[in-house]
Amino acid sequence: MKHHVDAHVGKRIRHRRWMVGITQQQLADKVGIKFQQIQKYETGMNRVSASRLWDIADTLGVGISFFFEGLDDARETSGAQVGDILGDKEALELVRSYYAIPEAQRRRLFDLARVLSDAAA
């Protein structure tokens, strides 16, 4: 049976991997395991050891704490969560594309999105 912490850490691994744009195979190769193990980590079916999480964090360019961010919120919240939104590949592609835009243009795009969402409400 999955533990909610393992599932949360797995989601965070998947989200970060998607954000940096690497495949399960590429991540597995960099940390010295098979891609099937990455799949099991990402679904929370297997627990990630401390040393393996260290290697994954290093490869993905984040600190260990990144994988535990939002854990308390995820446990206390019911219904749709921000983490669930980031589970959508389209949403992650949008975020990745957004951050690829130069900052000044990105700010204007953000302001436009806010105006449009306020008008739709």
Protein backbone atom coordinates (compact mmCIF):
# COMPACT_ATOMS: atom_id res chain seq x y z
CA MET A 1 0.00 0.00 0.00
CA LYS A 2 1.25 3.46 -0.92
CA HIS A 3 2.15 5.90 1.82
CA HIS A 4 0.97 9.46 1.13
CA VAL A 5 4.50 10.81 1.62
CA ASP A 6 5.92 8.43 -1.00
CA ALA A 7 3.16 9.45 -3.43
CA HIS A 8 3.84 13.14 -2.80
CA VAL A 9 7.60 12.79 -3.27
CA GLY A 10 6.98 10.80 -6.46
CA LYS A 11 4.71 13.52 -7.86
CA ARG A 12 7.32 16.14 -7.09
CA ILE A 13 10.00 14.07 -8.87
CA ARG A 14 7.75 13.77 -11.92
CA HIS A 15 6.85 17.48 -11.92
CA ARG A 16 10.47 18.59 -11.67
CA ARG A 17 11.56 16.10 -14.34
CA TRP A 18 8.88 17.48 -16.68
CA MET A 19 9.85 21.06 -15.85
CA VAL A 20 13.49 20.49 -16.79
CA GLY A 21 12.39 18.55 -19.86
CA ILE A 22 14.05 15.17 -19.37
CA THR A 23 12.61 11.70 -19.82
CA GLN A 24 12.41 8.95 -17.24
CA GLN A 25 15.14 7.16 -19.17
CA GLN A 26 17.45 10.18 -19.08
CA LEU A 27 16.93 10.64 -15.34
CA ALA A 28 17.47 6.95 -14.71
CA ASP A 29 20.70 6.96 -16.73
CA LYS A 30 22.02 9.95 -14.79
CA VAL A 31 21.34 8.38 -11.39
CA GLY A 32 22.40 4.87 -12.43
CA ILE A 33 19.13 2.94 -12.30
CA LYS A 34 16.56 1.56 -14.76
CA PHE A 35 13.72 3.79 -15.97
CA GLN A 36 11.18 1.36 -14.51
CA GLN A 37 12.46 2.30 -11.07
CA ILE A 38 11.83 5.97 -11.84
CA GLN A 39 8.27 5.00 -12.84
CA LYS A 40 7.79 3.26 -9.51
CA TYR A 41 9.16 6.25 -7.60
CA GLU A 42 6.91 8.66 -9.49
CA THR A 43 3.78 6.65 -8.75
CA GLY A 44 4.74 6.21 -5.11
CA MET A 45 4.78 2.42 -5.46
CA ASN A 46 8.42 2.31 -4.32
CA ARG A 47 10.03 4.46 -1.67
CA VAL A 48 13.05 6.53 -2.61
CA SER A 49 16.04 5.98 -0.35
CA ALA A 50 17.80 9.03 1.07
CA SER A 51 20.91 8.54 -1.08
CA ARG A 52 18.85 8.01 -4.23
CA LEU A 53 16.74 11.10 -3.48
CA TRP A 54 20.00 13.03 -3.06
CA ASP A 55 21.15 11.86 -6.52
CA ILE A 56 17.78 12.70 -8.09
CA ALA A 57 17.76 16.16 -6.49
CA ASP A 58 21.28 16.83 -7.72
CA THR A 59 20.39 15.70 -11.25
CA LEU A 60 17.22 17.81 -11.32
CA GLY A 61 18.95 20.85 -9.85
CA VAL A 62 16.94 21.21 -6.64
CA GLY A 63 17.48 20.71 -2.93
CA ILE A 64 16.06 17.72 -1.09
CA SER A 65 13.43 19.92 0.55
CA PHE A 66 11.85 20.56 -2.87
CA PHE A 67 10.34 17.07 -2.83
CA PHE A 68 8.59 17.70 0.49
CA GLU A 69 7.20 21.17 -0.28
CA GLY A 70 3.43 21.29 0.02
CA LEU A 71 3.26 17.98 1.85
CA ASP A 72 1.29 19.37 4.79
CA ASP A 73 -1.06 21.24 2.46
CA ALA A 74 -1.62 18.12 0.33
CA ARG A 75 -2.62 16.09 3.38
CA GLU A 76 -4.96 18.73 4.80
CA THR A 77 -6.65 19.75 1.55
CA SER A 78 -9.52 17.88 -0.01
CA GLY A 79 -10.65 17.99 -3.62
CA ALA A 80 -8.56 19.47 -6.41
CA GLN A 81 -5.10 20.54 -5.40
CA VAL A 82 -2.44 22.62 -7.07
CA GLY A 83 -0.33 19.47 -7.33
CA ASP A 84 -3.12 17.85 -9.33
CA ILE A 85 -3.06 20.72 -11.80
CA LEU A 86 0.66 20.22 -12.27
CA GLY A 87 -0.04 16.56 -13.04
CA ASP A 88 -1.47 17.73 -16.36
CA LYS A 89 1.18 17.72 -19.11
CA GLU A 90 -0.50 20.62 -20.89
CA ALA A 91 -0.34 22.76 -17.74
CA LEU A 92 3.32 21.92 -17.27
CA GLU A 93 4.08 22.75 -20.90
CA LEU A 94 2.34 26.08 -20.39
CA VAL A 95 4.41 26.82 -17.29
CA ARG A 96 7.64 25.79 -19.03
CA SER A 97 6.81 27.98 -22.02
CA TYR A 98 5.83 30.87 -19.77
CA TYR A 99 9.20 30.87 -18.02
CA ALA A 100 11.01 30.74 -21.37
CA ILE A 101 9.58 34.19 -22.22
CA PRO A 102 11.81 37.17 -21.31
CA GLU A 103 10.82 38.69 -17.96
CA ALA A 104 9.39 42.00 -19.22
CA GLN A 105 7.16 40.26 -21.76
CA ARG A 106 6.26 37.56 -19.24
CA ARG A 107 5.02 40.21 -16.79
CA ARG A 108 2.80 41.76 -19.46
CA LEU A 109 1.44 38.33 -20.38
CA PHE A 110 0.71 37.66 -16.71
CA ASP A 111 -1.16 40.96 -16.40
CA LEU A 112 -3.20 40.13 -19.52
CA ALA A 113 -4.07 36.67 -18.15
CA ARG A 114 -5.20 38.21 -14.87
CA VAL A 115 -7.46 40.72 -16.67
CA LEU A 116 -8.97 37.99 -18.83
CA SER A 117 -9.63 35.70 -15.85
CA ASP A 118 -11.22 38.57 -13.90
CA ALA A 119 -13.45 39.38 -16.89
CA ALA A 120 -14.51 35.73 -17.18
CA ALA A 121 -15.51 35.48 -13.51
